[in-house]
């Protein structure tokens, strides 16, 4: 199964990616690195893009998607709650 993990360069996304790989799935990561870290990507297929990039989403065509998108800072999330809202 091909699984797209949005927010894949974050701690939780990386943990999900590892579990998916251990289960024998193909993993594709998508992250804009606003909070994620490139060192979590390893040698996986990775797109440094925003989840709102519909052209990319149409091209990747996953079987399933794990969405791990959130503000990693509680104060920032409280100050700018709309910064986390995205329509896909």
N, C-alpha and C. Protein backbone atom coordinates (compact mmCIF):
# COMPACT_ATOMS: atom_id res chain seq x y z
N UNK A 1 0.84 -1.16 0.00
CA UNK A 1 0.00 0.00 0.00
C UNK A 1 0.90 1.24 0.00
N UNK A 2 0.52 2.25 -0.76
CA UNK A 2 1.26 3.51 -0.82
C UNK A 2 0.58 4.50 0.12
N UNK A 3 1.34 4.97 1.11
CA UNK A 3 0.79 5.86 2.13
C UNK A 3 1.50 7.21 2.08
N UNK A 4 0.70 8.26 1.94
CA UNK A 4 1.21 9.63 1.99
C UNK A 4 1.06 10.12 3.42
N UNK A 5 2.15 10.61 3.99
CA UNK A 5 2.11 11.15 5.34
C UNK A 5 2.40 12.64 5.26
N UNK A 6 1.35 13.44 5.50
CA UNK A 6 1.53 14.88 5.52
C UNK A 6 2.02 15.26 6.91
N UNK A 7 2.95 16.19 6.97
CA UNK A 7 3.61 16.47 8.24
C UNK A 7 4.63 15.38 8.53
N UNK A 8 5.13 14.75 7.49
CA UNK A 8 6.00 13.59 7.62
C UNK A 8 7.38 13.86 8.17
N UNK A 9 7.81 15.12 8.21
CA UNK A 9 9.13 15.45 8.74
C UNK A 9 9.07 15.86 10.20
N UNK A 10 7.93 15.68 10.83
CA UNK A 10 7.80 15.94 12.25
C UNK A 10 7.99 14.66 13.05
N UNK A 11 8.03 14.79 14.35
CA UNK A 11 8.25 13.62 15.22
C UNK A 11 7.16 12.56 15.04
N UNK A 12 5.90 12.98 15.08
CA UNK A 12 4.80 12.02 14.97
C UNK A 12 4.74 11.43 13.56
N UNK A 13 4.90 12.28 12.55
CA UNK A 13 4.90 11.79 11.17
C UNK A 13 6.01 10.78 10.93
N UNK A 14 7.17 11.03 11.49
CA UNK A 14 8.29 10.11 11.37
C UNK A 14 8.00 8.78 12.05
N UNK A 15 7.36 8.84 13.20
CA UNK A 15 7.01 7.61 13.92
C UNK A 15 6.00 6.79 13.13
N UNK A 16 5.02 7.46 12.54
CA UNK A 16 4.03 6.76 11.70
C UNK A 16 4.72 6.17 10.47
N UNK A 17 5.64 6.93 9.86
CA UNK A 17 6.37 6.43 8.69
C UNK A 17 7.14 5.16 9.03
N UNK A 18 7.81 5.15 10.16
CA UNK A 18 8.57 3.96 10.57
C UNK A 18 7.66 2.74 10.73
N UNK A 19 6.51 2.96 11.35
CA UNK A 19 5.56 1.85 11.54
C UNK A 19 5.03 1.34 10.20
N UNK A 20 4.76 2.26 9.29
CA UNK A 20 4.27 1.86 7.96
C UNK A 20 5.34 1.08 7.19
N UNK A 21 6.58 1.54 7.27
CA UNK A 21 7.67 0.83 6.61
C UNK A 21 7.85 -0.55 7.21
N UNK A 22 7.79 -0.66 8.53
CA UNK A 22 7.92 -1.95 9.20
C UNK A 22 6.82 -2.92 8.78
N UNK A 23 5.66 -2.36 8.43
CA UNK A 23 4.53 -3.20 7.99
C UNK A 23 4.60 -3.51 6.49
N UNK A 24 5.66 -3.01 5.82
CA UNK A 24 5.86 -3.34 4.41
C UNK A 24 5.21 -2.39 3.42
N UNK A 25 4.79 -1.22 3.87
CA UNK A 25 4.12 -0.27 2.98
C UNK A 25 5.13 0.68 2.33
N UNK A 26 4.75 1.22 1.19
CA UNK A 26 5.52 2.28 0.54
C UNK A 26 5.11 3.60 1.19
N UNK A 27 6.08 4.43 1.54
CA UNK A 27 5.80 5.67 2.26
C UNK A 27 6.29 6.87 1.45
N UNK A 28 5.44 7.88 1.36
CA UNK A 28 5.78 9.16 0.75
C UNK A 28 5.53 10.23 1.80
N UNK A 29 6.51 11.10 2.00
CA UNK A 29 6.38 12.16 3.00
C UNK A 29 6.17 13.51 2.33
N UNK A 30 5.32 14.32 2.95
CA UNK A 30 5.06 15.68 2.50
C UNK A 30 5.14 16.59 3.72
N UNK A 31 5.96 17.62 3.64
CA UNK A 31 6.11 18.55 4.76
C UNK A 31 6.70 19.84 4.22
N UNK A 32 6.24 20.97 4.73
CA UNK A 32 6.81 22.25 4.29
C UNK A 32 7.98 22.68 5.17
N UNK A 33 8.35 21.86 6.13
CA UNK A 33 9.46 22.10 7.05
C UNK A 33 9.31 23.36 7.88
N UNK A 34 8.08 23.83 8.04
CA UNK A 34 7.87 24.99 8.91
C UNK A 34 8.10 24.60 10.37
N UNK A 35 7.86 23.35 10.69
CA UNK A 35 8.14 22.85 12.04
C UNK A 35 8.86 21.51 12.00
N UNK A 36 8.77 20.81 10.86
CA UNK A 36 9.43 19.51 10.72
C UNK A 36 10.93 19.66 10.55
N UNK A 37 11.61 18.54 10.59
CA UNK A 37 13.08 18.55 10.50
C UNK A 37 13.53 17.58 9.42
N UNK A 38 14.39 18.07 8.55
CA UNK A 38 14.85 17.26 7.42
C UNK A 38 15.51 15.95 7.88
N UNK A 39 16.15 15.95 9.04
CA UNK A 39 16.81 14.71 9.48
C UNK A 39 15.83 13.58 9.79
N UNK A 40 14.53 13.89 9.92
CA UNK A 40 13.53 12.84 10.12
C UNK A 40 13.13 12.17 8.80
N UNK A 41 13.54 12.74 7.68
CA UNK A 41 13.13 12.24 6.37
C UNK A 41 13.91 10.98 5.98
N UNK A 42 15.17 10.88 6.35
CA UNK A 42 16.05 9.76 6.01
C UNK A 42 16.12 9.62 4.50
N UNK A 43 15.96 8.42 3.98
CA UNK A 43 16.07 8.21 2.53
C UNK A 43 14.72 7.92 1.90
N UNK A 44 13.65 8.42 2.50
CA UNK A 44 12.30 8.22 1.96
C UNK A 44 12.00 9.24 0.86
N UNK A 45 11.04 8.91 0.02
CA UNK A 45 10.57 9.86 -0.98
C UNK A 45 9.93 11.03 -0.25
N UNK A 46 10.45 12.23 -0.48
CA UNK A 46 10.04 13.39 0.30
C UNK A 46 9.79 14.59 -0.61
N UNK A 47 8.68 15.26 -0.35
CA UNK A 47 8.34 16.50 -1.06
C UNK A 47 8.28 17.62 -0.04
N UNK A 48 9.13 18.63 -0.25
CA UNK A 48 9.10 19.80 0.63
C UNK A 48 8.10 20.79 0.04
N UNK A 49 6.85 20.59 0.39
CA UNK A 49 5.76 21.41 -0.14
C UNK A 49 4.69 21.57 0.93
N UNK A 50 3.81 22.50 0.69
CA UNK A 50 2.65 22.73 1.54
C UNK A 50 1.56 21.73 1.16
N UNK A 51 0.79 21.30 2.13
CA UNK A 51 -0.26 20.32 1.88
C UNK A 51 -1.34 20.86 0.93
N UNK A 52 -1.37 22.16 0.75
CA UNK A 52 -2.34 22.76 -0.17
C UNK A 52 -1.94 22.66 -1.63
N UNK A 53 -0.80 22.04 -1.94
CA UNK A 53 -0.33 21.89 -3.31
C UNK A 53 -1.13 20.78 -4.01
N UNK A 54 -2.26 21.14 -4.58
CA UNK A 54 -3.17 20.15 -5.18
C UNK A 54 -2.54 19.43 -6.36
N UNK A 55 -1.70 20.10 -7.12
CA UNK A 55 -1.04 19.46 -8.26
C UNK A 55 -0.18 18.30 -7.78
N UNK A 56 0.56 18.50 -6.72
CA UNK A 56 1.39 17.43 -6.17
C UNK A 56 0.51 16.30 -5.63
N UNK A 57 -0.53 16.64 -4.90
CA UNK A 57 -1.41 15.61 -4.34
C UNK A 57 -2.03 14.76 -5.44
N UNK A 58 -2.40 15.38 -6.55
CA UNK A 58 -2.96 14.62 -7.68
C UNK A 58 -1.92 13.69 -8.29
N UNK A 59 -0.65 14.11 -8.28
CA UNK A 59 0.42 13.32 -8.88
C UNK A 59 0.86 12.15 -8.00
N UNK A 60 0.83 12.32 -6.69
CA UNK A 60 1.32 11.29 -5.78
C UNK A 60 0.39 10.08 -5.74
N UNK A 61 -0.90 10.29 -5.80
CA UNK A 61 -1.94 9.25 -5.79
C UNK A 61 -1.70 8.12 -4.78
N UNK A 62 -1.79 8.43 -3.49
CA UNK A 62 -1.61 7.39 -2.48
C UNK A 62 -2.84 6.50 -2.35
N UNK A 63 -2.62 5.32 -1.79
CA UNK A 63 -3.74 4.44 -1.45
C UNK A 63 -4.43 4.98 -0.21
N UNK A 64 -3.64 5.47 0.75
CA UNK A 64 -4.14 6.05 1.99
C UNK A 64 -3.29 7.26 2.36
N UNK A 65 -3.86 8.10 3.22
CA UNK A 65 -3.14 9.29 3.68
C UNK A 65 -3.23 9.37 5.19
N UNK A 66 -2.10 9.61 5.84
CA UNK A 66 -2.08 9.91 7.27
C UNK A 66 -1.76 11.40 7.39
N UNK A 67 -2.67 12.15 7.96
CA UNK A 67 -2.50 13.59 8.07
C UNK A 67 -2.07 13.95 9.48
N UNK A 68 -0.85 14.47 9.59
CA UNK A 68 -0.29 14.86 10.88
C UNK A 68 0.11 16.33 10.76
N UNK A 69 -0.90 17.18 10.80
CA UNK A 69 -0.67 18.62 10.64
C UNK A 69 -1.11 19.32 11.90
N UNK A 70 -0.20 20.00 12.53
CA UNK A 70 -0.58 20.77 13.70
C UNK A 70 0.51 21.76 14.04
N UNK A 71 0.14 22.74 14.78
CA UNK A 71 1.09 23.73 15.28
C UNK A 71 1.87 23.08 16.43
N UNK A 72 3.17 23.11 16.34
CA UNK A 72 3.97 22.46 17.39
C UNK A 72 4.13 23.36 18.62
N UNK A 73 3.71 24.59 18.51
CA UNK A 73 3.83 25.53 19.62
C UNK A 73 2.44 25.93 20.10
N UNK A 74 2.12 25.62 21.34
CA UNK A 74 0.80 25.98 21.89
C UNK A 74 0.61 27.49 21.89
N UNK A 75 1.57 28.29 22.36
CA UNK A 75 1.36 29.75 22.33
C UNK A 75 1.10 30.27 20.91
N UNK A 76 1.88 29.78 19.92
CA UNK A 76 1.67 30.23 18.54
C UNK A 76 0.31 29.81 18.03
N UNK A 77 -0.11 28.60 18.36
CA UNK A 77 -1.42 28.12 17.95
C UNK A 77 -2.55 28.95 18.55
N UNK A 78 -2.38 29.39 19.78
CA UNK A 78 -3.39 30.23 20.42
C UNK A 78 -3.42 31.63 19.81
N UNK A 79 -2.25 32.16 19.45
CA UNK A 79 -2.18 33.49 18.89
C UNK A 79 -2.65 33.55 17.45
N UNK A 80 -2.34 32.51 16.68
CA UNK A 80 -2.68 32.47 15.24
C UNK A 80 -3.38 31.17 14.89
N UNK A 81 -4.57 30.91 15.39
CA UNK A 81 -5.22 29.63 15.15
C UNK A 81 -5.51 29.34 13.68
N UNK A 82 -5.71 30.36 12.87
CA UNK A 82 -6.00 30.13 11.46
C UNK A 82 -4.77 29.72 10.67
N UNK A 83 -3.60 29.86 11.26
CA UNK A 83 -2.37 29.43 10.56
C UNK A 83 -2.37 27.92 10.34
N UNK A 84 -3.12 27.19 11.12
CA UNK A 84 -3.18 25.74 10.99
C UNK A 84 -4.34 25.28 10.11
N UNK A 85 -5.22 26.17 9.73
CA UNK A 85 -6.37 25.71 8.94
C UNK A 85 -5.98 25.64 7.47
N UNK A 86 -6.31 24.52 6.89
CA UNK A 86 -6.01 24.28 5.49
C UNK A 86 -7.16 23.47 4.92
N UNK A 87 -7.46 23.71 3.68
CA UNK A 87 -8.52 22.97 3.02
C UNK A 87 -7.90 22.15 1.92
N UNK A 88 -8.08 20.85 2.00
CA UNK A 88 -7.49 19.94 1.00
C UNK A 88 -8.59 19.22 0.28
